Amino acid sequence: MKVKKVMSKDVVSISVPGNREKALELMRKKNISVLPVVKGNTDELVGLITRSNLIVNPDEEQIAMLMSRDLITAFPTDDIDDVVEKMVENKVRRIPIIDRDGNLVGIITSFDLISKALATMDIQDPVEKYMITDIPTTWQKTPLNIAFESMRLFGLKSILVLNDEARLNGILTETDFLAESEIKSERSEHSSTVGTEGDKWSWDSTSVLYIEKNCLIFSDKLVEDVTSDHLEVANIKTTVSDCAKKMKNLHIEQIPVIGVEEDLIGLVRASDLIKSLVKQ
């Protein structure tokens, strides 16, 4: 199968020069997590900006400074197998598709591979072969800013929510956190005093440094206030194909995995499941 059969052709992109506000507005309006960046009024691909870029760099305004420039790309005529290997080896969830002149013509994501390839196949491997087990969890009554920090320290895009009985109760994603936050400017004051040692009559000289920076500020809500009432799960023996079909039908990219006693075992993501395509 060729990339052109799976890739998304109607790509929402943003151009440079541009700013954070425009990028965030586009992401929220189109409900997407990534924007290819093109040069001026052309289709020439020059970068990629994600929600993560916006979240981890709240003090930067210009897209040119926020975007990733070291891109992994593919051509429409490439084989899907080669693209999957690129994703797995480089640990990326999406790859811009360009023509031979470097112009943007599409994008392929791990979800595209799930919904247009894996969901149509019969792969009987259990998801336990592909799930991750080193995942962050948080209590349902944890403030959002604390939960976000826990997720950030793990370097993942989601955090699993536990109730008072330490049972799985929900999941929060990067999108959920972004929807409950805003960028605010904060000013801090730093001072130092310099005097003449041994001279009790000398005047102390105080220097004051004011630092102003942008910070990601969350609402006062708790985790349980923004967690969905419905949670889709898989068990360790759920097949790769069945899990892919769930993701496709619900339009989600990650599913918690539970054991026989409904205890939390791990998390399987679209980027994990596509590894099964390499074996095929």
Protein backbone atom coordinates (compact mmCIF):
# COMPACT_ATOMS: atom_id res chain seq x y z
CA MET A 1 0.00 0.00 0.00
CA LYS A 2 1.25 3.46 -0.91
CA VAL A 3 1.25 6.55 1.31
CA LYS A 4 -1.13 8.40 -1.03
CA LYS A 5 -3.87 5.85 -0.19
CA VAL A 6 -3.69 6.59 3.54
CA MET A 7 -2.50 10.17 3.95
CA SER A 8 -4.82 13.10 4.69
CA LYS A 9 -4.81 15.46 1.71
CA ASP A 10 -6.82 18.35 3.15
CA VAL A 11 -4.06 19.62 5.42
CA VAL A 12 -4.55 22.65 7.64
CA SER A 13 -1.26 24.53 7.69
CA ILE A 14 0.07 27.83 8.98
CA SER A 15 2.64 30.13 7.44
CA VAL A 16 5.61 32.07 8.72
CA PRO A 17 5.81 34.74 9.84
CA GLY A 18 3.01 34.06 12.33
CA ASN A 19 2.31 33.95 16.05
CA ARG A 20 1.23 31.62 18.84
CA GLU A 21 -2.30 33.03 19.05
CA LYS A 22 -3.04 32.22 15.42
CA ALA A 23 -1.67 28.69 15.77
CA LEU A 24 -3.69 28.00 18.91
CA GLU A 25 -6.84 29.43 17.33
CA LEU A 26 -6.45 27.15 14.31
CA MET A 27 -5.84 24.07 16.47
CA ARG A 28 -8.93 24.73 18.58
CA LYS A 29 -11.14 25.59 15.60
CA LYS A 30 -10.12 22.53 13.58
CA ASN A 31 -9.68 20.24 16.61
CA ILE A 32 -6.18 19.21 15.56
CA SER A 33 -2.91 18.85 17.45
CA VAL A 34 -0.37 19.64 14.75
CA LEU A 35 0.14 22.25 12.05
CA PRO A 36 2.65 21.95 9.21
CA VAL A 37 4.38 25.30 8.70
CA VAL A 38 4.89 26.66 5.18
CA LYS A 39 6.91 29.60 3.93
CA GLY A 40 4.93 32.79 3.27
CA ASN A 41 2.25 32.36 0.60
CA THR A 42 3.83 29.19 -0.82
CA ASP A 43 3.39 25.48 -0.07
CA GLU A 44 7.08 25.00 0.75
CA LEU A 45 7.31 23.02 4.00
CA VAL A 46 9.66 24.61 6.54
CA GLY A 47 8.53 23.22 9.91
CA LEU A 48 5.96 21.57 12.13
CA ILE A 49 4.26 23.00 15.20
CA THR A 50 2.39 20.90 17.77
CA ARG A 51 0.37 21.47 20.90
CA SER A 52 3.41 20.35 22.87
CA ASN A 53 5.48 23.14 21.29
CA LEU A 54 2.92 25.67 22.52
CA ILE A 55 2.67 24.17 26.01
CA VAL A 56 6.36 23.76 26.84
CA ASN A 57 7.34 27.19 25.45
CA PRO A 58 4.74 29.60 26.88
CA ASP A 59 7.15 32.53 26.77
CA GLU A 60 7.72 32.36 23.00
CA GLU A 61 5.34 34.10 20.59
CA GLN A 62 6.76 33.60 17.09
CA ILE A 63 5.98 30.42 15.18
CA ALA A 64 9.45 30.44 13.65
CA MET A 65 10.89 30.00 17.16
CA LEU A 66 8.26 27.47 18.31
CA MET A 67 8.21 25.09 15.36
CA SER A 68 10.34 21.98 14.86
CA ARG A 69 12.68 22.29 11.89
CA ASP A 70 14.35 18.87 11.88
CA LEU A 71 11.58 17.10 9.96
CA ILE A 72 10.99 13.50 8.99
CA THR A 73 9.13 13.53 5.66
CA ALA A 74 7.87 11.10 3.03
CA PHE A 75 6.61 11.09 -0.55
CA PRO A 76 3.12 10.02 -1.72
CA THR A 77 4.66 7.14 -3.68
CA ASP A 78 6.51 5.69 -0.66
CA ASP A 79 5.39 2.36 0.78
CA ILE A 80 3.42 2.45 4.04
CA ASP A 81 5.90 -0.02 5.53
CA ASP A 82 8.72 2.50 5.11
CA VAL A 83 6.69 5.29 6.73
CA VAL A 84 5.77 3.09 9.69
CA GLU A 85 9.43 2.25 10.22
CA LYS A 86 10.29 5.95 10.13
CA MET A 87 7.65 6.70 12.75
CA VAL A 88 8.75 3.89 15.04
CA GLU A 89 12.49 4.55 14.71
CA ASN A 90 12.15 8.31 15.21
CA LYS A 91 9.36 8.07 17.80
CA VAL A 92 7.06 10.48 15.95
CA ARG A 93 3.28 10.36 15.57
CA ARG A 94 2.95 12.14 12.25
CA ILE A 95 4.94 12.70 9.07
CA PRO A 96 4.34 15.52 6.54
CA ILE A 97 4.08 14.34 2.94
CA ILE A 98 5.86 16.43 0.31
CA ASP A 99 6.36 16.36 -3.45
CA ARG A 100 9.77 16.29 -5.11
CA ASP A 101 9.98 20.09 -4.90
CA GLY A 102 9.50 20.11 -1.13
CA ASN A 103 5.91 21.36 -1.26
CA LEU A 104 3.39 20.13 1.30
CA VAL A 105 0.79 17.78 -0.26
CA GLY A 106 -0.49 15.87 2.77
CA ILE A 107 0.19 14.43 6.19
CA ILE A 108 0.07 10.93 7.62
CA THR A 109 -0.49 10.27 11.32
CA SER A 110 -0.50 7.20 13.51
CA PHE A 111 -4.29 7.57 13.68
CA ASP A 112 -4.49 7.49 9.85
CA LEU A 113 -2.62 4.19 9.94
CA ILE A 114 -4.94 2.89 12.65
CA SER A 115 -8.20 3.86 10.93
CA LYS A 116 -7.25 3.20 7.29
CA ALA A 117 -4.97 0.20 7.66
CA LEU A 118 -4.95 -1.60 11.00
CA ALA A 119 -8.73 -1.43 11.51
CA THR A 120 -9.24 -3.24 8.20
CA MET A 121 -6.74 -6.02 8.95
CA ASP A 122 -6.93 -9.16 11.04
CA ILE A 123 -4.03 -8.99 13.48
CA GLN A 124 -4.63 -11.30 16.43
CA ASP A 125 -1.67 -10.20 18.55
CA PRO A 126 -2.88 -9.15 22.05
CA VAL A 127 -2.38 -5.49 22.93
CA GLU A 128 -0.25 -6.46 25.94
CA LYS A 129 2.60 -6.92 23.46
CA TYR A 130 2.48 -3.25 22.51
CA MET A 131 1.18 -1.39 25.57
CA ILE A 132 3.34 0.76 27.84
CA THR A 133 3.29 0.23 31.59
CA ASP A 134 5.34 3.19 32.82
CA ILE A 135 2.50 5.71 32.88
CA PRO A 136 1.51 8.64 35.14
CA THR A 137 -1.59 8.47 37.30
CA THR A 138 -3.35 11.08 39.40
CA TRP A 139 -6.15 11.24 41.97
CA GLN A 140 -9.50 12.56 40.73
CA LYS A 141 -9.42 15.41 43.27
CA THR A 142 -5.98 16.64 42.23
CA PRO A 143 -5.79 20.27 40.99
CA LEU A 144 -5.23 20.49 37.24
CA ASN A 145 -1.85 22.21 37.51
CA ILE A 146 -0.47 19.38 39.66
CA ALA A 147 -1.84 16.70 37.34
CA PHE A 148 -0.34 18.47 34.33
CA GLU A 149 3.08 18.60 35.98
CA SER A 150 2.92 14.85 36.66
CA MET A 151 2.08 14.19 33.01
CA ARG A 152 4.82 16.52 31.79
CA LEU A 153 7.51 14.84 33.89
CA PHE A 154 6.68 11.50 32.23
CA GLY A 155 6.98 13.04 28.79
CA LEU A 156 3.60 11.64 27.72
CA LYS A 157 0.46 13.17 26.20
CA SER A 158 -2.01 11.82 28.77
CA ILE A 159 -2.46 10.92 32.42
CA LEU A 160 -4.78 8.28 33.90
CA VAL A 161 -7.20 9.23 36.67
CA LEU A 162 -7.85 7.12 39.77
CA ASN A 163 -10.84 7.39 42.17
CA ASP A 164 -10.87 7.11 45.97
CA GLU A 165 -10.57 3.32 45.71
CA ALA A 166 -7.51 3.66 43.47
CA ARG A 167 -9.53 2.31 40.53
CA LEU A 168 -9.27 3.65 37.01
CA ASN A 169 -11.78 6.44 36.62
CA GLY A 170 -10.80 8.42 33.54
CA ILE A 171 -8.09 9.85 31.32
CA LEU A 172 -6.91 13.39 30.66
CA THR A 173 -5.02 14.32 27.51
CA GLU A 174 -2.90 17.24 26.46
CA THR A 175 -5.98 18.61 24.66
CA ASP A 176 -7.99 18.63 27.90
CA PHE A 177 -5.26 20.56 29.71
CA LEU A 178 -4.91 23.07 26.89
CA ALA A 179 -8.65 23.74 26.95
CA GLU A 180 -8.46 24.61 30.66
CA SER A 181 -5.44 26.91 30.49
CA GLU A 182 -4.32 30.27 29.20
CA ILE A 183 -1.07 32.14 28.77
CA LYS A 184 -0.58 34.95 31.28
CA SER A 185 2.29 37.35 31.81
CA GLU A 186 3.86 37.36 35.27
CA ARG A 187 6.44 39.79 36.66
CA SER A 188 8.98 38.83 39.33
CA GLU A 189 11.38 41.06 41.27
CA HIS A 190 14.94 40.04 42.15
CA SER A 191 17.12 42.29 44.30
CA SER A 192 20.65 42.18 45.69
CA THR A 193 22.36 44.45 48.22
CA VAL A 194 26.02 45.46 47.94
CA GLY A 195 27.84 47.24 50.80
CA THR A 196 31.42 48.07 51.77
CA GLU A 197 32.72 45.38 54.09
CA GLY A 198 33.98 46.75 57.41
CA ASP A 199 32.60 50.23 56.92
CA LYS A 200 29.58 50.66 59.21
CA TRP A 201 28.91 54.16 57.83
CA SER A 202 28.66 53.08 54.18
CA TRP A 203 25.30 53.11 52.38
CA ASP A 204 24.10 49.77 50.99
CA SER A 205 23.54 49.79 47.25
CA THR A 206 20.52 47.78 46.13
CA SER A 207 20.05 46.65 42.54
CA VAL A 208 16.65 45.42 41.40
CA LEU A 209 16.05 43.21 38.38
CA TYR A 210 12.51 42.82 37.03
CA ILE A 211 11.80 39.73 34.96
CA GLU A 212 8.59 39.40 32.98
CA LYS A 213 7.69 36.07 31.38
CA ASN A 214 4.65 34.21 30.08
CA CYS A 215 3.33 31.27 32.07
CA LEU A 216 0.76 28.56 31.44
CA ILE A 217 -2.00 29.17 34.01
CA PHE A 218 -4.71 26.58 34.68
CA SER A 219 -8.25 27.04 35.92
CA ASP A 220 -9.10 26.26 39.54
CA LYS A 221 -10.90 23.06 38.54
CA LEU A 222 -10.00 19.64 39.83
CA VAL A 223 -9.24 16.65 37.61
CA GLU A 224 -12.72 15.18 38.21
CA ASP A 225 -14.31 18.39 36.90
CA VAL A 226 -12.96 17.86 33.38
CA THR A 227 -12.74 14.06 33.18
CA SER A 228 -15.21 12.41 30.81
CA ASP A 229 -17.96 10.27 32.35
CA HIS A 230 -17.35 7.50 29.80
CA LEU A 231 -14.03 5.67 29.61
CA GLU A 232 -13.22 3.12 26.93
CA VAL A 233 -10.85 0.35 28.01
CA ALA A 234 -9.20 -2.76 26.60
CA ASN A 235 -8.00 -5.87 28.39
CA ILE A 236 -4.62 -7.51 27.97
CA LYS A 237 -6.03 -10.08 25.51
CA THR A 238 -7.86 -7.60 23.28
CA THR A 239 -6.47 -8.06 19.78
CA VAL A 240 -4.62 -5.35 17.91
CA SER A 241 -7.31 -5.21 15.22
CA ASP A 242 -10.17 -4.95 17.73
CA CYS A 243 -8.35 -2.18 19.59
CA ALA A 244 -7.72 -0.37 16.30
CA LYS A 245 -11.42 -0.57 15.45
CA LYS A 246 -12.28 0.94 18.85
CA MET A 247 -9.90 3.81 18.26
CA LYS A 248 -11.29 4.41 14.77
CA ASN A 249 -14.95 4.34 15.84
CA LEU A 250 -14.41 6.58 18.88
CA HIS A 251 -11.79 8.75 17.15
CA ILE A 252 -9.31 8.38 20.01
CA GLU A 253 -5.59 7.64 20.03
CA GLN A 254 -5.09 5.93 23.39
CA ILE A 255 -6.91 3.33 25.47
CA PRO A 256 -6.14 2.22 29.05
CA VAL A 257 -5.54 -1.52 29.48
CA ILE A 258 -6.98 -3.39 32.47
CA GLY A 259 -6.37 -6.83 33.93
CA VAL A 260 -8.81 -9.64 34.79
CA GLU A 261 -9.76 -7.94 38.06
CA GLU A 262 -10.25 -4.60 36.29
CA ASP A 263 -7.01 -3.25 37.77
CA LEU A 264 -4.96 -0.84 35.71
CA ILE A 265 -2.21 -2.59 33.75
CA GLY A 266 -1.04 -0.12 31.14
CA LEU A 267 -1.87 2.15 28.23
CA VAL A 268 -1.91 1.42 24.51
CA ARG A 269 -1.55 4.26 22.04
CA ALA A 270 -1.97 4.51 18.29
CA SER A 271 1.78 5.04 18.05
CA ASP A 272 2.25 1.72 19.89
CA LEU A 273 -0.18 -0.30 17.78
CA ILE A 274 1.37 0.69 14.46
CA LYS A 275 4.44 -1.30 15.47
CA SER A 276 2.41 -4.40 14.61
CA LEU A 277 2.46 -3.25 10.97
CA VAL A 278 6.23 -3.62 10.89
CA LYS A 279 5.83 -7.31 11.74
CA GLN A 280 3.22 -7.74 9.03
